[in-house]
Amino acid sequence: MDVDERIDIAESSIGNEVVVHEGDSMVVEPHEGMEFESEDAAKIFYDEYARKIGFVMRVMSCRRSERDGRILARRLGCNKEGYCVSIRGKFGNVRKPRPSTREGCKAMIHVKFDKSGKWVITKFVKDHNHPLVVAPREARQTLDEKDKKIQELTAELRNKKRLCATYQEQLTAFVKIVEDHSEKLSKKVKTAVENLKEFESIEQELMQRR
């Protein structure tokens, strides 16, 4: 059965949202201007859309702030985006190259951080240049090892960032305690020195009276 026959696209609208009907389920389609509370929220939305429509999401390039390294914009696309470049070893081409899942698909969304504090879709490319795998389970099976590794590393990096943030908070609190302690100790030393000078002055005065 053709993909177009298996997916009934009914462009009914809920506000500005275009709803795609796939069998008995309804899928909200991305559109320019759609807002999210965070980059992760945009990823979750597009991943769910991909799963229901019949392709696998790939987390692609991003743009970072030159000042603090924060991610300001991100592209999310299809795992068949681009083309696999043949790898050459020292002795020529690899004998048994791994079959490529890339087909140059251009389907994607581009989201960027807006001054309002939201993440906004600024570009949406809907059409794929390959058949969609409508069954969600089958779509997940097309995820190659590289994509799995990328997702694992992305999750690990996210956890590391949270851990680093916790360590940084603890280190900042410790430094504050050390600074407070040093300040108190410095005051005590200063008081002791002043008392010692005063004692020496009194002692000299007594010696002179003798």
C-alpha atoms as a PDB file:
ATOM      1  CA  MET A   1       0.000   0.000   0.000  1.00  0.00           C
ATOM      2  CA  ASP A   2       1.276   3.479  -0.868  1.00  0.00           C
ATOM      3  CA  VAL A   3       2.240   5.736   2.019  1.00  0.00           C
ATOM      4  CA  ASP A   4      -0.236   8.375   0.822  1.00  0.00           C
ATOM      5  CA  GLU A   5      -3.013   5.799   1.017  1.00  0.00           C
ATOM      6  CA  ARG A   6      -2.016   4.684   4.505  1.00  0.00           C
ATOM      7  CA  ILE A   7      -1.856   8.175   6.013  1.00  0.00           C
ATOM      8  CA  ASP A   8      -5.012  10.246   5.835  1.00  0.00           C
ATOM      9  CA  ILE A   9      -3.974  13.898   6.046  1.00  0.00           C
ATOM     10  CA  ALA A  10      -6.867  16.013   7.212  1.00  0.00           C
ATOM     11  CA  GLU A  11      -5.791  19.612   7.485  1.00  0.00           C
ATOM     12  CA  SER A  12      -8.308  20.454  10.157  1.00  0.00           C
ATOM     13  CA  SER A  13      -7.019  23.082  12.543  1.00  0.00           C
ATOM     14  CA  ILE A  14      -6.980  23.667  16.285  1.00  0.00           C
ATOM     15  CA  GLY A  15      -6.050  27.323  16.472  1.00  0.00           C
ATOM     16  CA  ASN A  16      -2.977  27.491  14.253  1.00  0.00           C
ATOM     17  CA  GLU A  17      -2.165  23.792  14.672  1.00  0.00           C
ATOM     18  CA  VAL A  18      -2.427  21.491  11.650  1.00  0.00           C
ATOM     19  CA  VAL A  19      -3.573  18.023  12.698  1.00  0.00           C
ATOM     20  CA  VAL A  20      -2.512  14.924  10.789  1.00  0.00           C
ATOM     21  CA  HIS A  21      -4.766  11.893  11.182  1.00  0.00           C
ATOM     22  CA  GLU A  22      -2.875   8.604  11.062  1.00  0.00           C
ATOM     23  CA  GLY A  23      -5.408   5.846  11.448  1.00  0.00           C
ATOM     24  CA  ASP A  24      -7.229   6.528  14.734  1.00  0.00           C
ATOM     25  CA  SER A  25      -4.541   8.787  16.212  1.00  0.00           C
ATOM     26  CA  MET A  26      -4.117  12.529  15.694  1.00  0.00           C
ATOM     27  CA  VAL A  27      -0.685  14.130  15.318  1.00  0.00           C
ATOM     28  CA  VAL A  28      -0.052  17.856  15.631  1.00  0.00           C
ATOM     29  CA  GLU A  29       2.134  18.937  12.726  1.00  0.00           C
ATOM     30  CA  PRO A  30       5.012  21.393  13.284  1.00  0.00           C
ATOM     31  CA  HIS A  31       4.661  24.882  11.835  1.00  0.00           C
ATOM     32  CA  GLU A  32       6.683  28.088  11.803  1.00  0.00           C
ATOM     33  CA  GLY A  33       6.016  30.145  14.907  1.00  0.00           C
ATOM     34  CA  MET A  34       5.228  27.146  17.132  1.00  0.00           C
ATOM     35  CA  GLU A  35       6.659  27.771  20.618  1.00  0.00           C
ATOM     36  CA  PHE A  36       8.213  25.507  23.244  1.00  0.00           C
ATOM     37  CA  GLU A  37       9.344  26.089  26.816  1.00  0.00           C
ATOM     38  CA  SER A  38      12.803  24.600  26.160  1.00  0.00           C
ATOM     39  CA  GLU A  39      15.037  22.950  23.557  1.00  0.00           C
ATOM     40  CA  ASP A  40      14.301  19.551  25.125  1.00  0.00           C
ATOM     41  CA  ALA A  41      10.555  20.185  24.791  1.00  0.00           C
ATOM     42  CA  ALA A  42      11.052  20.850  21.058  1.00  0.00           C
ATOM     43  CA  LYS A  43      13.062  17.613  20.732  1.00  0.00           C
ATOM     44  CA  ILE A  44      10.395  15.600  22.535  1.00  0.00           C
ATOM     45  CA  PHE A  45       7.649  17.079  20.340  1.00  0.00           C
ATOM     46  CA  TYR A  46       9.480  16.436  17.042  1.00  0.00           C
ATOM     47  CA  ASP A  47      10.550  12.941  18.141  1.00  0.00           C
ATOM     48  CA  GLU A  48       6.928  12.073  18.944  1.00  0.00           C
ATOM     49  CA  TYR A  49       5.805  13.551  15.613  1.00  0.00           C
ATOM     50  CA  ALA A  50       8.480  11.512  13.800  1.00  0.00           C
ATOM     51  CA  ARG A  51       7.508   8.311  15.590  1.00  0.00           C
ATOM     52  CA  LYS A  52       3.830   8.672  14.688  1.00  0.00           C
ATOM     53  CA  ILE A  53       4.421   9.801  11.108  1.00  0.00           C
ATOM     54  CA  GLY A  54       6.964   7.071  10.406  1.00  0.00           C
ATOM     55  CA  PHE A  55      10.574   8.250  10.497  1.00  0.00           C
ATOM     56  CA  VAL A  56      13.399   8.514  13.014  1.00  0.00           C
ATOM     57  CA  MET A  57      14.491  11.900  14.354  1.00  0.00           C
ATOM     58  CA  ARG A  58      18.138  12.918  14.117  1.00  0.00           C
ATOM     59  CA  VAL A  59      19.566  15.678  16.335  1.00  0.00           C
ATOM     60  CA  MET A  60      21.656  17.764  13.941  1.00  0.00           C
ATOM     61  CA  SER A  61      23.696  20.961  14.022  1.00  0.00           C
ATOM     62  CA  CYS A  62      23.367  23.772  16.551  1.00  0.00           C
ATOM     63  CA  ARG A  63      24.485  27.385  16.930  1.00  0.00           C
ATOM     64  CA  ARG A  64      26.075  28.504  20.197  1.00  0.00           C
ATOM     65  CA  SER A  65      26.596  31.840  21.871  1.00  0.00           C
ATOM     66  CA  GLU A  66      30.141  33.157  21.431  1.00  0.00           C
ATOM     67  CA  ARG A  67      29.899  34.722  24.890  1.00  0.00           C
ATOM     68  CA  ASP A  68      28.940  31.795  27.116  1.00  0.00           C
ATOM     69  CA  GLY A  69      28.567  28.773  24.799  1.00  0.00           C
ATOM     70  CA  ARG A  70      24.800  28.437  25.303  1.00  0.00           C
ATOM     71  CA  ILE A  71      22.863  26.754  22.478  1.00  0.00           C
ATOM     72  CA  LEU A  72      20.836  29.429  20.674  1.00  0.00           C
ATOM     73  CA  ALA A  73      19.459  27.405  17.753  1.00  0.00           C
ATOM     74  CA  ARG A  74      19.124  23.755  16.774  1.00  0.00           C
ATOM     75  CA  ARG A  75      18.213  21.694  13.701  1.00  0.00           C
ATOM     76  CA  LEU A  76      16.224  18.475  14.112  1.00  0.00           C
ATOM     77  CA  GLY A  77      15.729  16.263  11.089  1.00  0.00           C
ATOM     78  CA  CYS A  78      15.310  12.812   9.637  1.00  0.00           C
ATOM     79  CA  ASN A  79      17.912  10.085  10.193  1.00  0.00           C
ATOM     80  CA  LYS A  80      18.121   9.699   6.404  1.00  0.00           C
ATOM     81  CA  GLU A  81      19.436  13.275   6.104  1.00  0.00           C
ATOM     82  CA  GLY A  82      22.655  13.736   4.095  1.00  0.00           C
ATOM     83  CA  TYR A  83      24.755  11.118   2.353  1.00  0.00           C
ATOM     84  CA  CYS A  84      27.286   8.687   3.761  1.00  0.00           C
ATOM     85  CA  VAL A  85      30.801   9.495   2.513  1.00  0.00           C
ATOM     86  CA  SER A  86      32.844   6.425   1.570  1.00  0.00           C
ATOM     87  CA  ILE A  87      35.744   5.824   3.946  1.00  0.00           C
ATOM     88  CA  ARG A  88      39.206   5.047   2.600  1.00  0.00           C
ATOM     89  CA  GLY A  89      41.788   3.310   4.728  1.00  0.00           C
ATOM     90  CA  LYS A  90      45.551   3.140   4.312  1.00  0.00           C
ATOM     91  CA  PHE A  91      45.160   0.355   1.784  1.00  0.00           C
ATOM     92  CA  GLY A  92      42.212   1.708  -0.200  1.00  0.00           C
ATOM     93  CA  ASN A  93      38.452   1.391   0.270  1.00  0.00           C
ATOM     94  CA  VAL A  94      37.042  -0.687   3.089  1.00  0.00           C
ATOM     95  CA  ARG A  95      36.217  -4.149   1.742  1.00  0.00           C
ATOM     96  CA  LYS A  96      32.843  -4.507   3.409  1.00  0.00           C
ATOM     97  CA  PRO A  97      31.398  -1.018   4.009  1.00  0.00           C
ATOM     98  CA  ARG A  98      28.326  -0.841   6.238  1.00  0.00           C
ATOM     99  CA  PRO A  99      25.093  -0.254   4.279  1.00  0.00           C
ATOM    100  CA  SER A 100      24.165   3.417   4.474  1.00  0.00           C
ATOM    101  CA  THR A 101      20.763   4.559   5.719  1.00  0.00           C
ATOM    102  CA  ARG A 102      21.317   8.100   4.387  1.00  0.00           C
ATOM    103  CA  GLU A 103      19.258   9.209   1.379  1.00  0.00           C
ATOM    104  CA  GLY A 104      19.705  12.985   1.363  1.00  0.00           C
ATOM    105  CA  CYS A 105      16.358  13.641   3.045  1.00  0.00           C
ATOM    106  CA  LYS A 106      15.783  17.351   3.761  1.00  0.00           C
ATOM    107  CA  ALA A 107      12.840  17.030   6.169  1.00  0.00           C
ATOM    108  CA  MET A 108      13.592  19.068   9.297  1.00  0.00           C
ATOM    109  CA  ILE A 109      12.638  21.773  11.754  1.00  0.00           C
ATOM    110  CA  HIS A 110      14.828  24.663  12.874  1.00  0.00           C
ATOM    111  CA  VAL A 111      14.190  25.990  16.371  1.00  0.00           C
ATOM    112  CA  LYS A 112      15.866  28.968  18.004  1.00  0.00           C
ATOM    113  CA  PHE A 113      15.826  30.678  21.387  1.00  0.00           C
ATOM    114  CA  ASP A 114      13.675  33.800  21.211  1.00  0.00           C
ATOM    115  CA  LYS A 115      14.056  36.971  23.277  1.00  0.00           C
ATOM    116  CA  SER A 116      10.696  36.103  24.835  1.00  0.00           C
ATOM    117  CA  GLY A 117      12.385  33.153  26.541  1.00  0.00           C
ATOM    118  CA  LYS A 118      10.645  30.570  24.335  1.00  0.00           C
ATOM    119  CA  TRP A 119      12.080  28.222  21.689  1.00  0.00           C
ATOM    120  CA  VAL A 120      10.394  28.933  18.352  1.00  0.00           C
ATOM    121  CA  ILE A 121      10.237  26.969  15.087  1.00  0.00           C
ATOM    122  CA  THR A 122      11.611  29.268  12.367  1.00  0.00           C
ATOM    123  CA  LYS A 123      11.645  26.716   9.531  1.00  0.00           C
ATOM    124  CA  PHE A 124       9.755  23.493   8.809  1.00  0.00           C
ATOM    125  CA  VAL A 125      10.455  21.174   5.853  1.00  0.00           C
ATOM    126  CA  LYS A 126       7.726  18.549   5.767  1.00  0.00           C
ATOM    127  CA  ASP A 127       8.376  16.340   2.741  1.00  0.00           C
ATOM    128  CA  HIS A 128      10.633  13.273   2.816  1.00  0.00           C
ATOM    129  CA  ASN A 129      12.308  11.839  -0.293  1.00  0.00           C
ATOM    130  CA  HIS A 130      11.849   8.244   0.858  1.00  0.00           C
ATOM    131  CA  PRO A 131       8.962   6.006   1.954  1.00  0.00           C
ATOM    132  CA  LEU A 132       7.819   6.481   5.544  1.00  0.00           C
ATOM    133  CA  VAL A 133       7.579   3.505   7.844  1.00  0.00           C
ATOM    134  CA  VAL A 134       4.178   4.062   9.363  1.00  0.00           C
ATOM    135  CA  ALA A 135       4.417   1.401  12.067  1.00  0.00           C
ATOM    136  CA  PRO A 136       6.231   3.042  14.995  1.00  0.00           C
ATOM    137  CA  ARG A 137       8.035  -0.174  15.994  1.00  0.00           C
ATOM    138  CA  GLU A 138       9.308  -0.696  12.483  1.00  0.00           C
ATOM    139  CA  ALA A 139      10.428   2.933  12.340  1.00  0.00           C
ATOM    140  CA  ARG A 140      12.470   2.448  15.481  1.00  0.00           C
ATOM    141  CA  GLN A 141      14.179  -0.605  13.993  1.00  0.00           C
ATOM    142  CA  THR A 142      15.667   1.567  11.240  1.00  0.00           C
ATOM    143  CA  LEU A 143      17.751   3.422  13.822  1.00  0.00           C
ATOM    144  CA  ASP A 144      21.344   2.498  12.981  1.00  0.00           C
ATOM    145  CA  GLU A 145      24.094   2.012  15.553  1.00  0.00           C
ATOM    146  CA  LYS A 146      25.493   5.510  15.026  1.00  0.00           C
ATOM    147  CA  ASP A 147      22.154   7.131  15.843  1.00  0.00           C
ATOM    148  CA  LYS A 148      21.800   4.957  18.939  1.00  0.00           C
ATOM    149  CA  LYS A 149      25.281   5.948  20.058  1.00  0.00           C
ATOM    150  CA  ILE A 150      24.508   9.640  19.468  1.00  0.00           C
ATOM    151  CA  GLN A 151      21.355   9.393  21.580  1.00  0.00           C
ATOM    152  CA  GLU A 152      23.220   7.541  24.351  1.00  0.00           C
ATOM    153  CA  LEU A 153      26.025  10.106  24.364  1.00  0.00           C
ATOM    154  CA  THR A 154      23.521  13.000  24.311  1.00  0.00           C
ATOM    155  CA  ALA A 155      21.732  11.567  27.354  1.00  0.00           C
ATOM    156  CA  GLU A 156      25.062  10.961  29.101  1.00  0.00           C
ATOM    157  CA  LEU A 157      26.221  14.513  28.324  1.00  0.00           C
ATOM    158  CA  ARG A 158      22.968  15.916  29.717  1.00  0.00           C
ATOM    159  CA  ASN A 159      23.488  13.955  32.950  1.00  0.00           C
ATOM    160  CA  LYS A 160      27.138  15.093  33.151  1.00  0.00           C
ATOM    161  CA  LYS A 161      26.050  18.719  32.777  1.00  0.00           C
ATOM    162  CA  ARG A 162      23.555  18.347  35.622  1.00  0.00           C
ATOM    163  CA  LEU A 163      26.256  16.701  37.750  1.00  0.00           C
ATOM    164  CA  CYS A 164      28.759  19.460  36.934  1.00  0.00           C
ATOM    165  CA  ALA A 165      26.185  22.096  37.866  1.00  0.00           C
ATOM    166  CA  THR A 166      25.645  20.374  41.235  1.00  0.00           C
ATOM    167  CA  TYR A 167      29.409  20.184  41.845  1.00  0.00           C
ATOM    168  CA  GLN A 168      29.785  23.841  40.914  1.00  0.00           C
ATOM    169  CA  GLU A 169      27.092  24.843  43.419  1.00  0.00           C
ATOM    170  CA  GLN A 170      28.776  22.778  46.142  1.00  0.00           C
ATOM    171  CA  LEU A 171      32.206  24.221  45.291  1.00  0.00           C
ATOM    172  CA  THR A 172      30.832  27.776  45.359  1.00  0.00           C
ATOM    173  CA  ALA A 173      29.279  27.140  48.777  1.00  0.00           C
ATOM    174  CA  PHE A 174      32.569  25.660  50.058  1.00  0.00           C
ATOM    175  CA  VAL A 175      34.590  28.630  48.755  1.00  0.00           C
ATOM    176  CA  LYS A 176      32.153  30.977  50.497  1.00  0.00           C
ATOM    177  CA  ILE A 177      32.642  29.109  53.791  1.00  0.00           C
ATOM    178  CA  VAL A 178      36.440  29.234  53.386  1.00  0.00           C
ATOM    179  CA  GLU A 179      36.317  32.967  52.591  1.00  0.00           C
ATOM    180  CA  ASP A 180      34.128  33.672  55.646  1.00  0.00           C
ATOM    181  CA  HIS A 181      36.419  31.586  57.849  1.00  0.00           C
ATOM    182  CA  SER A 182      39.514  33.331  56.457  1.00  0.00           C
ATOM    183  CA  GLU A 183      37.955  36.735  57.101  1.00  0.00           C
ATOM    184  CA  LYS A 184      37.119  35.814  60.711  1.00  0.00           C
ATOM    185  CA  LEU A 185      40.604  34.353  61.235  1.00  0.00           C
ATOM    186  CA  SER A 186      42.182  37.485  59.767  1.00  0.00           C
ATOM    187  CA  LYS A 187      40.200  39.642  62.216  1.00  0.00           C
ATOM    188  CA  LYS A 188      41.305  37.443  65.141  1.00  0.00           C
ATOM    189  CA  VAL A 189      44.967  37.686  64.077  1.00  0.00           C
ATOM    190  CA  LYS A 190      44.663  41.446  63.714  1.00  0.00           C
ATOM    191  CA  THR A 191      43.105  41.716  67.198  1.00  0.00           C
ATOM    192  CA  ALA A 192      45.833  39.499  68.664  1.00  0.00           C
ATOM    193  CA  VAL A 193      48.568  41.631  67.067  1.00  0.00           C
ATOM    194  CA  GLU A 194      46.969  44.818  68.386  1.00  0.00           C
ATOM    195  CA  ASN A 195      46.679  43.315  71.884  1.00  0.00           C
ATOM    196  CA  LEU A 196      50.317  42.206  71.754  1.00  0.00           C
ATOM    197  CA  LYS A 197      51.441  45.697  70.754  1.00  0.00           C
ATOM    198  CA  GLU A 198      49.384  47.189  73.547  1.00  0.00           C
ATOM    199  CA  PHE A 199      50.888  44.713  76.032  1.00  0.00           C
ATOM    200  CA  GLU A 200      54.431  45.552  74.859  1.00  0.00           C
ATOM    201  CA  SER A 201      53.681  49.264  75.216  1.00  0.00           C
ATOM    202  CA  ILE A 202      52.466  48.766  78.800  1.00  0.00           C
ATOM    203  CA  GLU A 203      55.472  46.588  79.596  1.00  0.00           C
ATOM    204  CA  GLN A 204      57.884  49.253  78.310  1.00  0.00           C
ATOM    205  CA  GLU A 205      56.111  51.919  80.338  1.00  0.00           C
ATOM    206  CA  LEU A 206      56.464  49.819  83.526  1.00  0.00           C
ATOM    207  CA  MET A 207      60.151  49.220  82.826  1.00  0.00           C
ATOM    208  CA  GLN A 208      60.757  52.945  82.482  1.00  0.00           C
ATOM    209  CA  ARG A 209      59.042  53.678  85.818  1.00  0.00           C
ATOM    210  CA  ARG A 210      61.410  51.328  87.609  1.00  0.00           C
END
